[in-house]
C-alpha atoms as a PDB file:
ATOM      1  CA  MET A   1      21.511  54.276 -84.870  1.00  0.00           C
ATOM      2  CA  SER A   2      22.087  51.840 -82.037  1.00  0.00           C
ATOM      3  CA  THR A   3      21.844  48.150 -82.790  1.00  0.00           C
ATOM      4  CA  SER A   4      19.172  47.671 -80.151  1.00  0.00           C
ATOM      5  CA  GLN A   5      16.594  49.928 -81.797  1.00  0.00           C
ATOM      6  CA  LYS A   6      15.877  50.126 -85.516  1.00  0.00           C
ATOM      7  CA  PRO A   7      12.308  50.926 -86.528  1.00  0.00           C
ATOM      8  CA  GLY A   8      10.404  49.117 -89.226  1.00  0.00           C
ATOM      9  CA  LEU A   9      10.917  45.413 -88.713  1.00  0.00           C
ATOM     10  CA  LEU A  10      10.554  45.145 -84.944  1.00  0.00           C
ATOM     11  CA  GLY A  11       7.439  43.115 -84.181  1.00  0.00           C
ATOM     12  CA  GLN A  12       7.023  42.058 -87.826  1.00  0.00           C
ATOM     13  CA  LEU A  13       6.482  38.449 -88.881  1.00  0.00           C
ATOM     14  CA  ILE A  14       9.128  37.079 -91.276  1.00  0.00           C
ATOM     15  CA  GLY A  15       8.459  33.989 -93.348  1.00  0.00           C
ATOM     16  CA  GLY A  16       5.043  33.622 -91.754  1.00  0.00           C
ATOM     17  CA  ARG A  17       6.497  32.132 -88.565  1.00  0.00           C
ATOM     18  CA  PHE A  18       9.318  34.234 -87.107  1.00  0.00           C
ATOM     19  CA  ARG A  19       8.650  37.404 -85.080  1.00  0.00           C
ATOM     20  CA  VAL A  20      11.417  40.061 -85.127  1.00  0.00           C
ATOM     21  CA  GLU A  21      12.344  41.061 -81.565  1.00  0.00           C
ATOM     22  CA  LYS A  22      15.573  43.063 -81.681  1.00  0.00           C
ATOM     23  CA  LEU A  23      18.346  44.237 -83.996  1.00  0.00           C
ATOM     24  CA  LEU A  24      21.588  42.428 -83.140  1.00  0.00           C
ATOM     25  CA  GLY A  25      23.967  43.930 -85.684  1.00  0.00           C
ATOM     26  CA  ILE A  26      24.550  45.522 -89.064  1.00  0.00           C
ATOM     27  CA  GLY A  27      27.205  44.483 -91.567  1.00  0.00           C
ATOM     28  CA  GLY A  28      28.147  45.505 -95.076  1.00  0.00           C
ATOM     29  CA  MET A  29      25.681  43.160 -96.731  1.00  0.00           C
ATOM     30  CA  GLY A  30      22.871  42.832 -94.253  1.00  0.00           C
ATOM     31  CA  GLU A  31      21.276  43.176 -90.855  1.00  0.00           C
ATOM     32  CA  VAL A  32      20.868  40.471 -88.228  1.00  0.00           C
ATOM     33  CA  TYR A  33      17.907  40.385 -85.869  1.00  0.00           C
ATOM     34  CA  LEU A  34      16.908  38.264 -82.927  1.00  0.00           C
ATOM     35  CA  GLY A  35      13.621  36.541 -83.655  1.00  0.00           C
ATOM     36  CA  ARG A  36      11.335  33.946 -82.170  1.00  0.00           C
ATOM     37  CA  HIS A  37       9.340  31.146 -83.788  1.00  0.00           C
ATOM     38  CA  GLU A  38       5.694  32.075 -83.227  1.00  0.00           C
ATOM     39  CA  LEU A  39       4.450  28.591 -82.326  1.00  0.00           C
ATOM     40  CA  LEU A  40       7.482  26.882 -80.826  1.00  0.00           C
ATOM     41  CA  GLY A  41       8.990  29.870 -79.027  1.00  0.00           C
ATOM     42  CA  ASN A  42      12.521  29.038 -80.198  1.00  0.00           C
ATOM     43  CA  ARG A  43      14.905  31.963 -80.592  1.00  0.00           C
ATOM     44  CA  VAL A  44      16.462  32.388 -84.033  1.00  0.00           C
ATOM     45  CA  ALA A  45      18.783  34.777 -85.829  1.00  0.00           C
ATOM     46  CA  ILE A  46      17.225  36.468 -88.856  1.00  0.00           C
ATOM     47  CA  LYS A  47      19.667  37.781 -91.458  1.00  0.00           C
ATOM     48  CA  LEU A  48      18.241  40.226 -94.003  1.00  0.00           C
ATOM     49  CA  LEU A  49      19.892  41.581 -97.115  1.00  0.00           C
ATOM     50  CA  LYS A  50      20.044  45.378 -96.859  1.00  0.00           C
ATOM     51  CA  VAL A  51      17.326  47.337 -98.682  1.00  0.00           C
ATOM     52  CA  GLN A  52      19.840  48.985-101.038  1.00  0.00           C
ATOM     53  CA  HIS A  53      21.005  45.521-102.202  1.00  0.00           C
ATOM     54  CA  ALA A  54      17.532  44.055-102.795  1.00  0.00           C
ATOM     55  CA  LYS A  55      17.503  44.821-106.527  1.00  0.00           C
ATOM     56  CA  ASP A  56      21.223  44.134-107.062  1.00  0.00           C
ATOM     57  CA  GLN A  57      21.339  40.723-108.737  1.00  0.00           C
ATOM     58  CA  ARG A  58      25.010  40.258-107.902  1.00  0.00           C
ATOM     59  CA  MET A  59      24.409  40.816-104.181  1.00  0.00           C
ATOM     60  CA  SER A  60      21.295  38.626-104.219  1.00  0.00           C
ATOM     61  CA  ALA A  61      23.258  35.827-105.881  1.00  0.00           C
ATOM     62  CA  ARG A  62      26.024  36.186-103.295  1.00  0.00           C
ATOM     63  CA  PHE A  63      23.479  36.021-100.450  1.00  0.00           C
ATOM     64  CA  ARG A  64      21.929  32.866-101.946  1.00  0.00           C
ATOM     65  CA  ARG A  65      25.371  31.257-102.396  1.00  0.00           C
ATOM     66  CA  GLU A  66      26.147  31.973 -98.746  1.00  0.00           C
ATOM     67  CA  ALA A  67      22.881  30.318 -97.704  1.00  0.00           C
ATOM     68  CA  ARG A  68      23.515  27.221 -99.836  1.00  0.00           C
ATOM     69  CA  ALA A  69      27.136  26.881 -98.737  1.00  0.00           C
ATOM     70  CA  THR A  70      26.330  27.296 -95.054  1.00  0.00           C
ATOM     71  CA  SER A  71      23.417  24.860 -95.208  1.00  0.00           C
ATOM     72  CA  ARG A  72      25.746  22.152 -96.566  1.00  0.00           C
ATOM     73  CA  VAL A  73      28.088  22.356 -93.585  1.00  0.00           C
ATOM     74  CA  GLN A  74      27.037  20.116 -90.717  1.00  0.00           C
ATOM     75  CA  HIS A  75      29.326  20.954 -87.799  1.00  0.00           C
ATOM     76  CA  SER A  76      28.843  21.960 -84.177  1.00  0.00           C
ATOM     77  CA  ASN A  77      30.914  25.132 -84.764  1.00  0.00           C
ATOM     78  CA  VAL A  78      28.756  26.353 -87.665  1.00  0.00           C
ATOM     79  CA  VAL A  79      25.241  27.724 -87.147  1.00  0.00           C
ATOM     80  CA  GLY A  80      22.456  25.840 -88.868  1.00  0.00           C
ATOM     81  CA  ILE A  81      20.123  27.426 -91.404  1.00  0.00           C
ATOM     82  CA  PHE A  82      16.441  26.628 -90.890  1.00  0.00           C
ATOM     83  CA  ASP A  83      14.774  28.598 -93.674  1.00  0.00           C
ATOM     84  CA  THR A  84      15.275  31.190 -96.386  1.00  0.00           C
ATOM     85  CA  GLY A  85      12.935  33.373 -98.374  1.00  0.00           C
ATOM     86  CA  GLN A  86      12.118  36.800 -99.731  1.00  0.00           C
ATOM     87  CA  LEU A  87      10.151  39.695 -98.252  1.00  0.00           C
ATOM     88  CA  ASP A  88       7.554  41.622-100.246  1.00  0.00           C
ATOM     89  CA  ASP A  89      10.073  44.463-100.726  1.00  0.00           C
ATOM     90  CA  GLY A  90      12.514  42.077-102.445  1.00  0.00           C
ATOM     91  CA  ARG A  91      14.944  41.572 -99.577  1.00  0.00           C
ATOM     92  CA  LEU A  92      16.195  38.046 -99.067  1.00  0.00           C
ATOM     93  CA  PHE A  93      16.361  36.545 -95.590  1.00  0.00           C
ATOM     94  CA  LEU A  94      17.915  33.615 -93.760  1.00  0.00           C
ATOM     95  CA  ILE A  95      16.537  32.073 -90.591  1.00  0.00           C
ATOM     96  CA  MET A  96      19.459  30.674 -88.635  1.00  0.00           C
ATOM     97  CA  GLU A  97      20.232  29.036 -85.346  1.00  0.00           C
ATOM     98  CA  TYR A  98      20.694  31.678 -82.643  1.00  0.00           C
ATOM     99  CA  ILE A  99      23.668  31.237 -80.357  1.00  0.00           C
ATOM    100  CA  GLN A 100      23.922  33.612 -77.437  1.00  0.00           C
ATOM    101  CA  GLY A 101      27.410  34.769 -76.602  1.00  0.00           C
ATOM    102  CA  LYS A 102      30.068  37.345 -77.231  1.00  0.00           C
ATOM    103  CA  ASN A 103      31.079  38.453 -80.682  1.00  0.00           C
ATOM    104  CA  LEU A 104      34.722  38.388 -81.757  1.00  0.00           C
ATOM    105  CA  LEU A 105      35.321  42.068 -80.959  1.00  0.00           C
ATOM    106  CA  GLU A 106      33.919  41.661 -77.436  1.00  0.00           C
ATOM    107  CA  LEU A 107      36.101  38.606 -76.870  1.00  0.00           C
ATOM    108  CA  TYR A 108      39.187  40.402 -78.200  1.00  0.00           C
ATOM    109  CA  ASP A 109      38.501  43.404 -75.941  1.00  0.00           C
ATOM    110  CA  GLU A 110      38.193  41.054 -72.978  1.00  0.00           C
ATOM    111  CA  VAL A 111      41.212  38.773 -73.481  1.00  0.00           C
ATOM    112  CA  GLY A 112      43.400  40.511 -76.047  1.00  0.00           C
ATOM    113  CA  THR A 113      45.176  38.574 -78.767  1.00  0.00           C
ATOM    114  CA  LEU A 114      43.415  35.339 -79.579  1.00  0.00           C
END
């Protein structure tokens, strides 16, 4: 399935404030969506633990550790974490700063060896 269209979460409200607009990418542990704060209009990245990992305590613990570790780093080259929580289906989520740009693969394809 293309990363631009994945049914289910598009248009949904996450954490009571963040509307899911578009799927940005899928990794081994989760999915990342573009979202928007309902009141402020700010764009955010929404990272969700995959459905198949929702009941896996080891994966949930890893996801939480990632959130805690990332939130402790205050640096202009590291995205900020604004919120975290859990959906009704058990999936954990992170609400992160959204930075528009190219991913590493796109940059590598464009310029070659980095």
